[in-house]
Amino acid sequence: MEELTPQNKHEEHLVQVLLAKMQGVPVEYKRGADWCRAVPDSVSLNTEYRIAPQSTPLPITRNMWRKISKKWKYAAMDKDGEVYFYINEPYADKYGGCWNASSNEYCRSVLFFNIDGINWRLSLTERPEDV
């Protein structure tokens, strides 16, 4: 049998999506205006897919974490660029442009971070365990 190769950009993209799924890389599909996590074992030719964006942690050094109370386990940046610390893992409110916590235990950061190029939705940063 002759080896098949992608014949256009759409086919090449689908090959990349298939490879991502086979290698355990998260893939998302578009539903309306939102991107949703795709199941790993199926592909529909009429669906728009993308390889899921990877998180972009905030540039908080280990030295900075040492200066922050150990009770704060997470940090995240809201859409407006403000950084907050959380005791429990927050979740992104995609409509409000901010991170929310199931508890009201959070505080605004007084530290300055270079946030250039960081997507707020991907900014969740977990404190290193040994700091």
Foldseek 3Di string as FASTA:
>chain_A
DDDDDDDDPLSVQVVVVLVCLVVVQWKWWDDPNDTDTDDSPDDDSPIDMDGDDAADEFPQDLVNLVVDDPQFFKWAAFQVGWIKTANDQWADPVVVRGTDDPDPGMGTDPDDTPCPPHDRNRHIDGRDPVD
